[in-house]
Amino acid sequence: MQRFAGFELPRILVPAIASRLGITRARIRTEVGRGNWQTIARGVVLTRPDEPTREDWAGVGIAVGGPTAALSGWDAVRIRGLGDPTPPVCTVLVLIRDGRSRLVGSAWVRRTGRPYVVETTSAHAGLHPLTPVVPTARAIADAALTYSALGPVRAMVTSAVQRNACSLVELVRELDDGPQNGSYFLRRALRAAAFGAHSEAEAAATDKLVRAEVPPFELNVPIVDERGAVIFVVDVLWRELRAALEIDSREFHFSDAGWRATLDRHNKLTRSGLAVTHYPPSVVNARDCTWTAEVAEWLRCRATELGVALPPGRGPISPAIGADPPPFLVRIRRS
């Protein structure tokens, strides 16, 4: 903050703020004329000579939006430490309950009839301190409408649910109450989260396994020992086939410790009688069908090995919303 006549000067000035601070129009004209300040939109002054930032445009939207204004979309998602670091659009979304929708520079001030709660960020927030924002679920729903690809939306949804930033129920409610036009990516992302996907890689795997010729499967199933202690959580499980698929979080292991940890996990699972296969995200996300064809063949061989038929049906076996899948009991043979 710069100092001005004994008080801290805000970066954004609109007539109402300037009047409260006792800054006259003449003084504004003088500072703009000297190049110290600049007019960035009609009736909006940036009290700096440099280019306005995205946070400045958020401040513009809040200032012109009035008492009901609240930051939403990608910027409100990023405040919670979620979402892709690159914004999907150049405009900042600010919701209002009253007034008219308008574009003010790079601030999109949008009137909405859908109710929303207003929260205020901390004075010590790294992004947008003391700023009115909408709750996480509403911010994600609004942000999803601006994306042109599924991946970032799926990552945003799965990470928000996994980190308890909002619940799946809240996100589904926002989807149901919000505009249906443009909601395709959010709908698909919520479907993956409802199936139990905890990450973008798992959600991508779920999408492909749903369309593949593989038996019904479960996601993120806890593997427990005879005492009921959780020893692992496997990414994908075919319970009747005692087969687990792991999506490795890293393409390569850069340390002996990482490699040993993967081997230890694999060995403990196989000693318990599970068949385990591993794939990196790059293989899962490949455009061809090689990966799912390999998985289907692996499961057919597993059924033959156990002397059982492939379980009928396709698709994920989903627990109730908010519930965990039932654990899978194994007996670890100690080496």
Protein backbone atom coordinates (compact mmCIF):
# COMPACT_ATOMS: atom_id res chain seq x y z
CA MET A 1 0.00 0.00 0.00
CA GLN A 2 1.11 3.53 -0.76
CA ARG A 3 0.56 6.29 1.76
CA PHE A 4 -1.70 9.19 0.76
CA ALA A 5 -2.52 12.05 3.13
CA GLY A 6 -1.99 9.84 6.17
CA PHE A 7 -3.91 6.75 5.06
CA GLU A 8 -3.11 3.66 3.03
CA LEU A 9 -4.11 4.18 -0.56
CA PRO A 10 -6.00 1.27 -2.17
CA ARG A 11 -4.84 0.12 -5.59
CA ILE A 12 -8.33 0.50 -7.03
CA LEU A 13 -10.35 3.71 -6.78
CA VAL A 14 -13.97 4.13 -7.84
CA PRO A 15 -15.99 7.29 -7.06
CA ALA A 16 -17.57 5.85 -3.90
CA ILE A 17 -14.22 4.81 -2.43
CA ALA A 18 -12.52 8.07 -3.43
CA SER A 19 -15.32 10.06 -1.79
CA ARG A 20 -14.97 8.14 1.49
CA LEU A 21 -11.23 8.78 1.49
CA GLY A 22 -11.65 12.49 0.68
CA ILE A 23 -9.87 12.20 -2.67
CA THR A 24 -11.30 14.79 -5.05
CA ARG A 25 -11.81 14.45 -8.78
CA ALA A 26 -9.28 17.22 -9.28
CA ARG A 27 -6.65 15.27 -7.39
CA ILE A 28 -7.41 12.17 -9.43
CA ARG A 29 -7.03 14.14 -12.67
CA THR A 30 -3.72 15.56 -11.42
CA GLU A 31 -2.27 12.14 -10.50
CA VAL A 32 -3.45 10.62 -13.78
CA GLY A 33 -2.01 13.57 -15.70
CA ARG A 34 1.35 13.11 -14.02
CA GLY A 35 1.38 9.42 -14.89
CA ASN A 36 1.31 8.32 -11.25
CA TRP A 37 -2.17 6.83 -11.62
CA GLN A 38 -4.13 5.57 -14.62
CA THR A 39 -7.71 5.14 -15.70
CA ILE A 40 -8.27 1.45 -16.51
CA ALA A 41 -12.04 1.52 -17.08
CA ARG A 42 -14.80 4.08 -17.01
CA GLY A 43 -14.86 5.51 -13.47
CA VAL A 44 -12.07 3.15 -12.30
CA VAL A 45 -8.56 4.31 -11.45
CA LEU A 46 -5.49 2.21 -10.68
CA THR A 47 -3.31 4.13 -8.24
CA ARG A 48 -0.15 2.74 -9.82
CA PRO A 49 1.59 3.39 -13.14
CA ASP A 50 2.13 -0.33 -13.85
CA GLU A 51 -0.17 -2.76 -15.63
CA PRO A 52 -3.22 -3.92 -13.64
CA THR A 53 -2.94 -7.45 -12.27
CA ARG A 54 -5.62 -10.12 -12.15
CA GLU A 55 -6.09 -9.28 -8.46
CA ASP A 56 -6.64 -5.66 -9.47
CA TRP A 57 -9.43 -6.67 -11.83
CA ALA A 58 -10.99 -8.75 -9.06
CA GLY A 59 -10.89 -5.62 -6.92
CA VAL A 60 -12.54 -3.68 -9.73
CA GLY A 61 -15.38 -6.21 -9.94
CA ILE A 62 -15.92 -6.15 -6.18
CA ALA A 63 -15.82 -2.32 -6.10
CA VAL A 64 -18.32 -1.76 -8.90
CA GLY A 65 -20.48 -4.75 -7.95
CA GLY A 66 -21.64 -3.22 -4.69
CA PRO A 67 -22.50 -4.78 -1.33
CA THR A 68 -23.63 -8.16 -2.72
CA ALA A 69 -20.51 -8.72 -4.86
CA ALA A 70 -18.47 -11.90 -4.33
CA LEU A 71 -15.54 -13.36 -6.23
CA SER A 72 -16.25 -16.70 -7.93
CA GLY A 73 -14.88 -18.97 -10.65
CA TRP A 74 -11.22 -19.82 -11.11
CA ASP A 75 -9.92 -17.05 -8.85
CA ALA A 76 -12.08 -18.16 -5.90
CA VAL A 77 -10.95 -21.75 -6.50
CA ARG A 78 -7.28 -20.72 -6.46
CA ILE A 79 -7.80 -18.94 -3.12
CA ARG A 80 -8.42 -22.42 -1.66
CA GLY A 81 -5.23 -23.77 -3.23
CA LEU A 82 -7.14 -25.81 -5.81
CA GLY A 83 -7.34 -25.86 -9.57
CA ASP A 84 -4.93 -25.43 -12.44
CA PRO A 85 -2.41 -22.58 -12.01
CA THR A 86 -3.26 -21.22 -15.45
CA PRO A 87 -6.65 -19.44 -15.67
CA PRO A 88 -8.99 -20.78 -18.36
CA VAL A 89 -10.12 -17.28 -19.40
CA CYS A 90 -8.66 -13.79 -19.06
CA THR A 91 -11.68 -12.36 -17.24
CA VAL A 92 -12.33 -12.46 -13.49
CA LEU A 93 -15.82 -13.49 -12.41
CA VAL A 94 -17.66 -11.48 -9.75
CA LEU A 95 -21.24 -12.40 -8.86
CA ILE A 96 -23.87 -9.87 -7.79
CA ARG A 97 -27.50 -10.23 -6.69
CA ASP A 98 -28.65 -6.76 -7.75
CA GLY A 99 -27.85 -4.43 -10.62
CA ARG A 100 -26.96 -5.32 -14.19
CA SER A 101 -24.40 -7.67 -15.66
CA ARG A 102 -21.51 -5.92 -17.39
CA LEU A 103 -17.90 -6.30 -18.43
CA VAL A 104 -15.62 -3.75 -16.77
CA GLY A 105 -12.18 -4.13 -18.31
CA SER A 106 -11.21 -7.73 -17.45
CA ALA A 107 -13.81 -8.06 -14.68
CA TRP A 108 -17.02 -9.85 -15.62
CA VAL A 109 -19.65 -8.66 -13.14
CA ARG A 110 -22.55 -11.09 -13.51
CA ARG A 111 -25.94 -10.86 -11.93
CA THR A 112 -27.36 -14.20 -10.81
CA GLY A 113 -30.68 -15.31 -9.40
CA ARG A 114 -29.12 -18.36 -7.78
CA PRO A 115 -28.53 -17.79 -4.06
CA TYR A 116 -24.96 -17.81 -2.82
CA VAL A 117 -23.30 -17.41 0.55
CA VAL A 118 -20.58 -14.77 0.90
CA GLU A 119 -17.42 -15.58 2.84
CA THR A 120 -14.57 -13.13 3.49
CA THR A 121 -10.95 -14.11 3.15
CA SER A 122 -8.45 -13.46 5.91
CA ALA A 123 -6.44 -10.24 6.08
CA HIS A 124 -3.38 -12.48 5.82
CA ALA A 125 -4.54 -14.44 2.78
CA GLY A 126 -1.84 -14.77 0.14
CA LEU A 127 -4.37 -14.12 -2.62
CA HIS A 128 -7.17 -11.56 -2.38
CA PRO A 129 -7.02 -10.63 1.33
CA LEU A 130 -10.26 -9.35 2.91
CA THR A 131 -12.19 -10.21 -0.23
CA PRO A 132 -15.79 -11.49 -0.37
CA VAL A 133 -15.86 -14.88 -2.10
CA VAL A 134 -18.41 -17.61 -2.73
CA PRO A 135 -18.01 -21.09 -1.13
CA THR A 136 -15.76 -23.63 -2.80
CA ALA A 137 -18.47 -25.73 -4.46
CA ARG A 138 -20.05 -22.68 -6.13
CA ALA A 139 -16.64 -21.42 -7.26
CA ILE A 140 -15.83 -24.80 -8.83
CA ALA A 141 -19.19 -24.99 -10.59
CA ASP A 142 -18.72 -21.50 -12.06
CA ALA A 143 -15.10 -22.20 -13.02
CA ALA A 144 -16.05 -25.46 -14.77
CA LEU A 145 -18.26 -23.52 -17.18
CA THR A 146 -15.24 -21.62 -18.51
CA TYR A 147 -13.05 -24.61 -19.40
CA SER A 148 -12.72 -26.11 -22.88
CA ALA A 149 -11.18 -29.41 -21.71
CA LEU A 150 -12.19 -32.11 -19.24
CA GLY A 151 -8.83 -32.73 -17.55
CA PRO A 152 -8.51 -29.53 -15.49
CA VAL A 153 -12.15 -29.75 -14.36
CA ARG A 154 -11.74 -33.37 -13.31
CA ALA A 155 -8.54 -32.56 -11.39
CA MET A 156 -10.24 -29.60 -9.69
CA VAL A 157 -13.24 -31.67 -8.58
CA THR A 158 -11.35 -34.76 -7.40
CA SER A 159 -8.77 -32.71 -5.45
CA ALA A 160 -11.49 -30.60 -3.79
CA VAL A 161 -13.37 -33.68 -2.60
CA GLN A 162 -10.19 -35.49 -1.57
CA ARG A 163 -9.00 -32.50 0.49
CA ASN A 164 -12.44 -31.95 2.05
CA ALA A 165 -12.60 -28.44 0.58
CA CYS A 166 -16.21 -29.25 -0.25
CA SER A 167 -18.38 -32.35 -0.41
CA LEU A 168 -19.56 -34.30 -3.42
CA VAL A 169 -23.14 -33.60 -2.32
CA GLU A 170 -22.49 -29.84 -2.45
CA LEU A 171 -21.01 -30.11 -5.93
CA VAL A 172 -23.92 -32.21 -7.20
CA ARG A 173 -26.33 -29.63 -5.78
CA GLU A 174 -24.51 -26.85 -7.63
CA LEU A 175 -24.68 -28.88 -10.83
CA ASP A 176 -28.41 -29.51 -10.44
CA ASP A 177 -29.20 -25.88 -9.60
CA GLY A 178 -26.86 -24.30 -12.13
CA PRO A 179 -27.05 -23.81 -15.90
CA GLN A 180 -27.09 -27.04 -17.88
CA ASN A 181 -25.60 -25.44 -20.97
CA GLY A 182 -21.83 -25.84 -20.66
CA SER A 183 -22.00 -28.23 -17.70
CA TYR A 184 -20.79 -31.32 -19.60
CA PHE A 185 -17.27 -31.32 -18.14
CA LEU A 186 -18.52 -30.79 -14.60
CA ARG A 187 -21.04 -33.61 -15.01
CA ARG A 188 -18.35 -36.03 -16.18
CA ALA A 189 -15.96 -34.96 -13.43
CA LEU A 190 -18.61 -35.50 -10.77
CA ARG A 191 -19.39 -38.93 -12.14
CA ALA A 192 -15.74 -39.94 -11.71
CA ALA A 193 -15.67 -38.52 -8.18
CA ALA A 194 -18.89 -40.35 -7.31
CA PHE A 195 -17.29 -43.60 -8.47
CA GLY A 196 -14.52 -42.96 -5.93
CA ALA A 197 -11.69 -41.46 -8.01
CA HIS A 198 -9.24 -39.50 -5.86
CA SER A 199 -7.11 -37.98 -8.62
CA GLU A 200 -7.13 -36.92 -12.25
CA ALA A 201 -5.22 -40.08 -13.23
CA GLU A 202 -7.77 -42.31 -11.47
CA ALA A 203 -10.65 -40.39 -13.04
CA ALA A 204 -9.13 -40.79 -16.49
CA ALA A 205 -8.65 -44.51 -15.85
CA THR A 206 -12.27 -44.81 -14.72
CA ASP A 207 -13.53 -43.14 -17.89
CA LYS A 208 -11.65 -45.61 -20.06
CA LEU A 209 -12.44 -48.70 -18.00
CA VAL A 210 -16.16 -47.84 -18.14
CA ARG A 211 -16.02 -48.06 -21.93
CA ALA A 212 -13.78 -51.15 -22.04
CA GLU A 213 -14.70 -54.82 -22.06
CA VAL A 214 -13.69 -55.36 -18.44
CA PRO A 215 -15.75 -56.66 -15.49
CA PRO A 216 -17.17 -54.32 -12.80
CA PHE A 217 -14.50 -52.76 -10.60
CA GLU A 218 -14.09 -50.74 -7.41
CA LEU A 219 -11.89 -47.71 -6.75
CA ASN A 220 -9.65 -46.94 -3.77
CA VAL A 221 -10.45 -50.05 -1.79
CA PRO A 222 -8.71 -50.45 1.59
CA ILE A 223 -6.82 -53.71 1.95
CA VAL A 224 -6.97 -54.87 5.58
CA ASP A 225 -5.20 -57.66 7.44
CA GLU A 226 -6.66 -60.19 9.89
CA ARG A 227 -6.62 -57.60 12.68
CA GLY A 228 -8.60 -55.10 10.61
CA ALA A 229 -5.64 -52.77 10.11
CA VAL A 230 -5.47 -51.02 6.74
CA ILE A 231 -2.21 -51.98 5.09
CA PHE A 232 -2.79 -50.42 1.65
CA VAL A 233 -5.44 -48.74 -0.45
CA VAL A 234 -5.39 -50.04 -4.02
CA ASP A 235 -6.45 -47.81 -6.90
CA VAL A 236 -8.65 -50.33 -8.77
CA LEU A 237 -9.85 -53.71 -7.49
CA TRP A 238 -11.64 -56.64 -9.07
CA ARG A 239 -12.72 -58.28 -5.85
CA GLU A 240 -13.84 -61.68 -7.19
CA LEU A 241 -10.67 -62.02 -9.25
CA ARG A 242 -8.40 -60.87 -6.42
CA ALA A 243 -6.81 -58.52 -8.94
CA ALA A 244 -5.59 -54.97 -8.31
CA LEU A 245 -4.45 -52.27 -10.71
CA GLU A 246 -2.17 -49.50 -9.51
CA ILE A 247 -1.67 -46.17 -11.30
CA ASP A 248 1.85 -45.12 -10.37
CA SER A 249 1.96 -41.46 -9.39
CA ARG A 250 5.37 -40.96 -10.98
CA GLU A 251 6.58 -41.97 -14.41
CA PHE A 252 10.01 -42.85 -13.09
CA HIS A 253 11.63 -43.39 -9.72
CA PHE A 254 14.48 -41.01 -9.11
CA SER A 255 15.69 -42.58 -5.90
CA ASP A 256 16.46 -46.02 -4.58
CA ALA A 257 14.06 -45.37 -1.70
CA GLY A 258 11.16 -44.71 -4.06
CA TRP A 259 11.89 -47.80 -6.08
CA ARG A 260 12.22 -49.96 -2.96
CA ALA A 261 8.92 -48.62 -1.59
CA THR A 262 7.11 -49.58 -4.81
CA LEU A 263 8.64 -53.04 -4.78
CA ASP A 264 7.78 -53.53 -1.11
CA ARG A 265 4.16 -52.53 -1.72
CA HIS A 266 3.93 -54.83 -4.75
CA ASN A 267 5.48 -57.77 -2.93
CA LYS A 268 3.21 -57.45 0.11
CA LEU A 269 0.13 -57.37 -2.10
CA THR A 270 1.20 -60.40 -4.12
CA ARG A 271 2.09 -62.33 -0.97
CA SER A 272 -1.50 -61.76 0.15
CA GLY A 273 -2.75 -63.58 -2.97
CA LEU A 274 -3.58 -60.51 -5.06
CA ALA A 275 -2.49 -60.23 -8.67
CA VAL A 276 -1.14 -56.71 -9.18
CA THR A 277 -0.36 -54.74 -12.34
CA HIS A 278 1.03 -51.21 -12.63
CA TYR A 279 0.58 -48.46 -15.22
CA PRO A 280 1.89 -44.88 -15.34
CA PRO A 281 -0.51 -41.98 -16.08
CA SER A 282 1.06 -41.43 -19.52
CA VAL A 283 -0.13 -44.89 -20.60
CA VAL A 284 -3.57 -44.41 -19.07
CA ASN A 285 -3.99 -41.06 -20.86
CA ALA A 286 -2.81 -42.30 -24.26
CA ARG A 287 -5.37 -41.89 -27.03
CA ASP A 288 -5.29 -45.49 -28.24
CA CYS A 289 -7.01 -48.47 -26.61
CA THR A 290 -3.85 -50.51 -25.98
CA TRP A 291 -4.01 -50.04 -22.21
CA THR A 292 -7.60 -51.20 -21.71
CA ALA A 293 -7.07 -54.12 -24.10
CA GLU A 294 -4.09 -55.24 -22.01
CA VAL A 295 -6.12 -54.95 -18.81
CA ALA A 296 -8.99 -56.95 -20.31
CA GLU A 297 -6.61 -59.74 -21.41
CA TRP A 298 -4.88 -59.72 -18.00
CA LEU A 299 -8.24 -60.18 -16.25
CA ARG A 300 -9.25 -63.01 -18.58
CA CYS A 301 -5.97 -64.77 -17.76
CA ARG A 302 -6.56 -64.16 -14.07
CA ALA A 303 -10.03 -65.74 -14.26
CA THR A 304 -8.55 -68.77 -16.02
CA GLU A 305 -5.81 -69.02 -13.39
CA LEU A 306 -8.38 -69.06 -10.58
CA GLY A 307 -10.76 -71.34 -12.49
CA VAL A 308 -13.66 -68.89 -12.25
CA ALA A 309 -15.83 -67.08 -14.74
CA LEU A 310 -15.38 -63.37 -15.38
CA PRO A 311 -17.89 -61.44 -13.27
CA PRO A 312 -20.81 -60.25 -15.42
CA GLY A 313 -21.50 -56.63 -16.22
CA ARG A 314 -19.33 -53.56 -16.70
CA GLY A 315 -18.54 -50.28 -15.02
CA PRO A 316 -17.64 -49.14 -11.52
CA ILE A 317 -19.24 -50.42 -8.35
CA SER A 318 -19.94 -47.20 -6.48
CA PRO A 319 -20.37 -46.86 -2.71
CA ALA A 320 -23.03 -44.53 -1.41
CA ILE A 321 -22.13 -40.85 -1.74
CA GLY A 322 -19.84 -39.93 1.11
CA ALA A 323 -19.18 -43.58 2.02
CA ASP A 324 -16.04 -45.66 1.54
CA PRO A 325 -15.97 -48.98 -0.33
CA PRO A 326 -16.01 -52.07 1.91
CA PRO A 327 -12.51 -53.25 2.86
CA PHE A 328 -10.90 -56.28 1.28
CA LEU A 329 -9.54 -58.80 3.81
CA VAL A 330 -6.22 -60.49 3.08
CA ARG A 331 -3.88 -62.70 5.04
CA ILE A 332 -0.33 -61.52 4.65
CA ARG A 333 2.20 -64.30 4.40
CA ARG A 334 5.22 -62.99 6.24
CA SER A 335 8.58 -63.46 4.57
